[in-house]
Amino acid sequence: MGFDLRGHGHSEGKRGNGNYEDYLNDIETVYKWLKLRYGNLPRVLYGHSMGGNLALGYAINCKPDIDRLIVTSPWLKLTKPPMVPLVIFAKLAVKFFLL
């Protein structure tokens, strides 16, 4: 089963709203629900890009009893820091365009 993180995809709420802890809590909520509903099936956690980062963070911090962890192209760190004008523009764009 897959799901959209809060503020992403088809999820409700303000676009881009949420933080790392919120995302880990959301994963935990879905994981617990799936475990109750499909307890006997193997549990595989998969994440790609930012989801890969979150899957790793969830596995390390929450220590779920998963059978497999698969991450593809996990976002681990930026190779170069973003240019200051780009950071300023992004912050302004969030305030004005993503209400």
N, C-alpha and C. Protein backbone atom coordinates (compact mmCIF):
# COMPACT_ATOMS: atom_id res chain seq x y z
N MET A 1 0.84 -1.16 0.00
CA MET A 1 0.00 0.00 0.00
C MET A 1 0.89 1.23 0.00
N GLY A 2 0.51 2.24 -0.70
CA GLY A 2 1.24 3.50 -0.69
C GLY A 2 0.32 4.62 -0.22
N PHE A 3 0.91 5.70 0.20
CA PHE A 3 0.11 6.85 0.62
C PHE A 3 0.90 8.13 0.36
N ASP A 4 0.17 9.23 0.21
CA ASP A 4 0.80 10.53 0.03
C ASP A 4 1.10 11.14 1.39
N LEU A 5 2.27 11.70 1.52
CA LEU A 5 2.61 12.42 2.75
C LEU A 5 1.77 13.68 2.85
N ARG A 6 1.53 14.12 4.07
CA ARG A 6 0.75 15.35 4.25
C ARG A 6 1.41 16.49 3.48
N GLY A 7 0.57 17.27 2.80
CA GLY A 7 1.07 18.39 2.01
C GLY A 7 1.66 18.00 0.66
N HIS A 8 1.54 16.73 0.27
CA HIS A 8 2.07 16.24 -0.99
C HIS A 8 1.00 15.44 -1.73
N GLY A 9 1.11 15.38 -3.04
CA GLY A 9 0.22 14.54 -3.84
C GLY A 9 -1.24 14.90 -3.66
N HIS A 10 -2.06 13.89 -3.40
CA HIS A 10 -3.51 14.08 -3.26
C HIS A 10 -3.94 14.22 -1.80
N SER A 11 -3.00 14.35 -0.89
CA SER A 11 -3.37 14.47 0.52
C SER A 11 -4.04 15.82 0.77
N GLU A 12 -4.81 15.86 1.83
CA GLU A 12 -5.47 17.10 2.21
C GLU A 12 -4.49 18.00 2.94
N GLY A 13 -4.89 19.23 3.12
CA GLY A 13 -4.07 20.16 3.89
C GLY A 13 -3.25 21.08 3.02
N LYS A 14 -2.56 21.96 3.69
CA LYS A 14 -1.74 22.97 3.04
C LYS A 14 -0.56 22.32 2.33
N ARG A 15 -0.30 22.73 1.11
CA ARG A 15 0.80 22.20 0.31
C ARG A 15 2.14 22.43 1.00
N GLY A 16 2.95 21.39 1.04
CA GLY A 16 4.29 21.51 1.61
C GLY A 16 4.31 21.63 3.12
N ASN A 17 3.15 21.45 3.76
CA ASN A 17 3.09 21.59 5.21
C ASN A 17 3.47 20.26 5.86
N GLY A 18 4.26 20.32 6.87
CA GLY A 18 4.69 19.12 7.57
C GLY A 18 6.18 19.18 7.81
N ASN A 19 6.63 18.39 8.74
CA ASN A 19 8.07 18.33 9.01
C ASN A 19 8.47 16.87 9.14
N TYR A 20 9.74 16.64 9.34
CA TYR A 20 10.26 15.28 9.36
C TYR A 20 9.57 14.42 10.41
N GLU A 21 9.40 14.97 11.59
CA GLU A 21 8.74 14.23 12.68
C GLU A 21 7.30 13.88 12.32
N ASP A 22 6.58 14.85 11.71
CA ASP A 22 5.21 14.58 11.26
C ASP A 22 5.18 13.42 10.28
N TYR A 23 6.11 13.42 9.33
CA TYR A 23 6.15 12.36 8.32
C TYR A 23 6.42 11.00 8.96
N LEU A 24 7.36 10.95 9.90
CA LEU A 24 7.64 9.69 10.58
C LEU A 24 6.42 9.21 11.37
N ASN A 25 5.70 10.14 11.99
CA ASN A 25 4.48 9.78 12.72
C ASN A 25 3.41 9.25 11.76
N ASP A 26 3.31 9.87 10.58
CA ASP A 26 2.34 9.40 9.59
C ASP A 26 2.68 7.98 9.13
N ILE A 27 3.96 7.73 8.89
CA ILE A 27 4.39 6.38 8.50
C ILE A 27 4.04 5.39 9.61
N GLU A 28 4.29 5.76 10.84
CA GLU A 28 3.99 4.89 11.99
C GLU A 28 2.49 4.59 12.07
N THR A 29 1.66 5.60 11.84
CA THR A 29 0.21 5.40 11.88
C THR A 29 -0.23 4.41 10.81
N VAL A 30 0.25 4.60 9.58
CA VAL A 30 -0.11 3.69 8.49
C VAL A 30 0.44 2.29 8.77
N TYR A 31 1.67 2.22 9.25
CA TYR A 31 2.30 0.93 9.54
C TYR A 31 1.48 0.14 10.57
N LYS A 32 1.06 0.81 11.64
CA LYS A 32 0.28 0.13 12.69
C LYS A 32 -1.07 -0.35 12.14
N TRP A 33 -1.70 0.47 11.30
CA TRP A 33 -2.98 0.09 10.71
C TRP A 33 -2.81 -1.14 9.82
N LEU A 34 -1.76 -1.13 8.98
CA LEU A 34 -1.50 -2.27 8.10
C LEU A 34 -1.19 -3.54 8.90
N LYS A 35 -0.45 -3.37 9.98
CA LYS A 35 -0.08 -4.52 10.82
C LYS A 35 -1.33 -5.15 11.44
N LEU A 36 -2.27 -4.31 11.89
CA LEU A 36 -3.52 -4.83 12.45
C LEU A 36 -4.36 -5.52 11.38
N ARG A 37 -4.41 -4.92 10.22
CA ARG A 37 -5.27 -5.45 9.16
C ARG A 37 -4.67 -6.67 8.45
N TYR A 38 -3.36 -6.65 8.24
CA TYR A 38 -2.70 -7.71 7.47
C TYR A 38 -1.53 -8.31 8.25
N GLY A 39 -1.73 -8.56 9.51
CA GLY A 39 -0.66 -8.96 10.42
C GLY A 39 0.22 -10.12 9.99
N ASN A 40 -0.33 -11.10 9.28
CA ASN A 40 0.45 -12.29 8.93
C ASN A 40 1.26 -12.14 7.65
N LEU A 41 1.00 -11.10 6.89
CA LEU A 41 1.73 -10.92 5.63
C LEU A 41 3.11 -10.33 5.89
N PRO A 42 4.07 -10.61 5.02
CA PRO A 42 5.39 -9.99 5.17
C PRO A 42 5.27 -8.47 5.08
N ARG A 43 6.08 -7.78 5.84
CA ARG A 43 6.05 -6.32 5.86
C ARG A 43 7.31 -5.78 5.18
N VAL A 44 7.09 -5.04 4.09
CA VAL A 44 8.18 -4.46 3.31
C VAL A 44 7.97 -2.95 3.30
N LEU A 45 8.98 -2.22 3.69
CA LEU A 45 8.93 -0.76 3.66
C LEU A 45 9.78 -0.30 2.48
N TYR A 46 9.16 0.46 1.57
CA TYR A 46 9.85 0.94 0.37
C TYR A 46 9.75 2.46 0.33
N GLY A 47 10.83 3.11 -0.04
CA GLY A 47 10.81 4.55 -0.22
C GLY A 47 11.75 4.96 -1.33
N HIS A 48 11.34 5.97 -2.09
CA HIS A 48 12.16 6.49 -3.19
C HIS A 48 12.40 7.98 -2.96
N SER A 49 13.62 8.43 -3.20
CA SER A 49 14.01 9.83 -3.08
C SER A 49 13.75 10.31 -1.65
N MET A 50 12.89 11.31 -1.48
CA MET A 50 12.59 11.78 -0.12
C MET A 50 11.97 10.65 0.70
N GLY A 51 11.16 9.82 0.05
CA GLY A 51 10.57 8.67 0.73
C GLY A 51 11.63 7.68 1.19
N GLY A 52 12.73 7.58 0.43
CA GLY A 52 13.84 6.72 0.84
C GLY A 52 14.50 7.24 2.11
N ASN A 53 14.65 8.56 2.17
CA ASN A 53 15.19 9.18 3.38
C ASN A 53 14.28 8.90 4.57
N LEU A 54 12.98 9.05 4.36
CA LEU A 54 12.02 8.82 5.45
C LEU A 54 11.97 7.35 5.85
N ALA A 55 12.04 6.44 4.88
CA ALA A 55 12.04 5.01 5.19
C ALA A 55 13.25 4.65 6.04
N LEU A 56 14.42 5.19 5.68
CA LEU A 56 15.62 4.94 6.48
C LEU A 56 15.47 5.53 7.88
N GLY A 57 14.98 6.77 7.95
CA GLY A 57 14.78 7.42 9.24
C GLY A 57 13.80 6.66 10.12
N TYR A 58 12.73 6.18 9.50
CA TYR A 58 11.73 5.41 10.25
C TYR A 58 12.32 4.11 10.77
N ALA A 59 13.05 3.41 9.91
CA ALA A 59 13.66 2.13 10.31
C ALA A 59 14.68 2.33 11.43
N ILE A 60 15.45 3.39 11.36
CA ILE A 60 16.49 3.64 12.37
C ILE A 60 15.89 4.13 13.68
N ASN A 61 14.96 5.08 13.60
CA ASN A 61 14.43 5.72 14.81
C ASN A 61 13.30 4.94 15.48
N CYS A 62 12.45 4.31 14.69
CA CYS A 62 11.26 3.65 15.25
C CYS A 62 11.42 2.15 15.39
N LYS A 63 12.41 1.59 14.73
CA LYS A 63 12.74 0.16 14.82
C LYS A 63 11.51 -0.75 14.64
N PRO A 64 10.78 -0.59 13.52
CA PRO A 64 9.62 -1.45 13.30
C PRO A 64 10.05 -2.88 12.99
N ASP A 65 9.17 -3.82 13.19
CA ASP A 65 9.49 -5.22 12.88
C ASP A 65 9.14 -5.52 11.42
N ILE A 66 9.92 -4.93 10.52
CA ILE A 66 9.71 -5.13 9.09
C ILE A 66 10.56 -6.31 8.61
N ASP A 67 10.10 -6.92 7.52
CA ASP A 67 10.83 -8.04 6.94
C ASP A 67 11.87 -7.58 5.93
N ARG A 68 11.58 -6.50 5.24
CA ARG A 68 12.50 -5.96 4.23
C ARG A 68 12.41 -4.43 4.23
N LEU A 69 13.54 -3.81 3.95
CA LEU A 69 13.60 -2.36 3.75
C LEU A 69 14.24 -2.14 2.39
N ILE A 70 13.52 -1.45 1.51
CA ILE A 70 14.02 -1.16 0.17
C ILE A 70 14.00 0.35 -0.02
N VAL A 71 15.14 0.92 -0.38
CA VAL A 71 15.19 2.34 -0.71
C VAL A 71 15.88 2.50 -2.06
N THR A 72 15.33 3.38 -2.89
CA THR A 72 15.94 3.67 -4.18
C THR A 72 16.20 5.16 -4.27
N SER A 73 17.38 5.50 -4.71
CA SER A 73 17.80 6.90 -4.84
C SER A 73 17.41 7.73 -3.62
N PRO A 74 17.76 7.28 -2.41
CA PRO A 74 17.34 8.04 -1.24
C PRO A 74 18.01 9.41 -1.19
N TRP A 75 17.21 10.40 -0.85
CA TRP A 75 17.75 11.74 -0.66
C TRP A 75 18.44 11.74 0.69
N LEU A 76 19.76 11.79 0.67
CA LEU A 76 20.52 11.77 1.91
C LEU A 76 21.10 13.14 2.25
N LYS A 77 21.61 13.83 1.25
CA LYS A 77 22.07 15.20 1.49
C LYS A 77 22.29 15.87 0.14
N LEU A 78 22.20 17.18 0.14
CA LEU A 78 22.44 17.93 -1.09
C LEU A 78 23.93 17.92 -1.40
N THR A 79 24.27 17.77 -2.68
CA THR A 79 25.68 17.78 -3.05
C THR A 79 26.27 19.17 -2.97
N LYS A 80 25.44 20.18 -3.23
CA LYS A 80 25.87 21.58 -3.12
C LYS A 80 24.78 22.33 -2.37
N PRO A 81 25.17 23.28 -1.54
CA PRO A 81 24.13 24.09 -0.88
C PRO A 81 23.41 24.94 -1.93
N PRO A 82 22.10 25.16 -1.76
CA PRO A 82 21.37 25.98 -2.73
C PRO A 82 21.86 27.43 -2.69
N MET A 83 21.77 28.09 -3.84
CA MET A 83 22.17 29.50 -3.92
C MET A 83 21.21 30.34 -3.07
N VAL A 84 21.73 31.36 -2.43
CA VAL A 84 20.93 32.21 -1.54
C VAL A 84 19.71 32.78 -2.25
N PRO A 85 19.84 33.34 -3.49
CA PRO A 85 18.63 33.86 -4.15
C PRO A 85 17.55 32.80 -4.36
N LEU A 86 17.96 31.58 -4.62
CA LEU A 86 16.99 30.50 -4.81
C LEU A 86 16.26 30.20 -3.51
N VAL A 87 16.97 30.21 -2.40
CA VAL A 87 16.35 29.97 -1.09
C VAL A 87 15.34 31.07 -0.78
N ILE A 88 15.72 32.32 -1.04
CA ILE A 88 14.82 33.45 -0.79
C ILE A 88 13.57 33.34 -1.66
N PHE A 89 13.76 33.04 -2.95
CA PHE A 89 12.63 32.89 -3.86
C PHE A 89 11.70 31.77 -3.40
N ALA A 90 12.26 30.64 -2.99
CA ALA A 90 11.45 29.51 -2.55
C ALA A 90 10.61 29.88 -1.33
N LYS A 91 11.19 30.61 -0.39
CA LYS A 91 10.45 31.01 0.80
C LYS A 91 9.32 31.97 0.45
N LEU A 92 9.58 32.90 -0.48
CA LEU A 92 8.54 33.82 -0.93
C LEU A 92 7.45 33.08 -1.69
N ALA A 93 7.84 32.15 -2.53
CA ALA A 93 6.87 31.39 -3.32
C ALA A 93 5.91 30.62 -2.42
N VAL A 94 6.43 30.05 -1.36
CA VAL A 94 5.58 29.31 -0.43
C VAL A 94 4.55 30.24 0.20
N LYS A 95 4.98 31.43 0.58
CA LYS A 95 4.07 32.38 1.23
C LYS A 95 2.98 32.87 0.29
N PHE A 96 3.34 33.11 -0.99
CA PHE A 96 2.40 33.75 -1.90
C PHE A 96 1.61 32.77 -2.77
N PHE A 97 2.18 31.65 -3.13
CA PHE A 97 1.54 30.77 -4.10
C PHE A 97 0.97 29.50 -3.50
N LEU A 98 1.41 29.08 -2.36
CA LEU A 98 0.95 27.82 -1.78
C LEU A 98 0.14 28.06 -0.53
N LEU A 99 -0.89 28.84 -0.67
CA LEU A 99 -1.73 29.18 0.49
C LEU A 99 -2.62 28.05 0.88
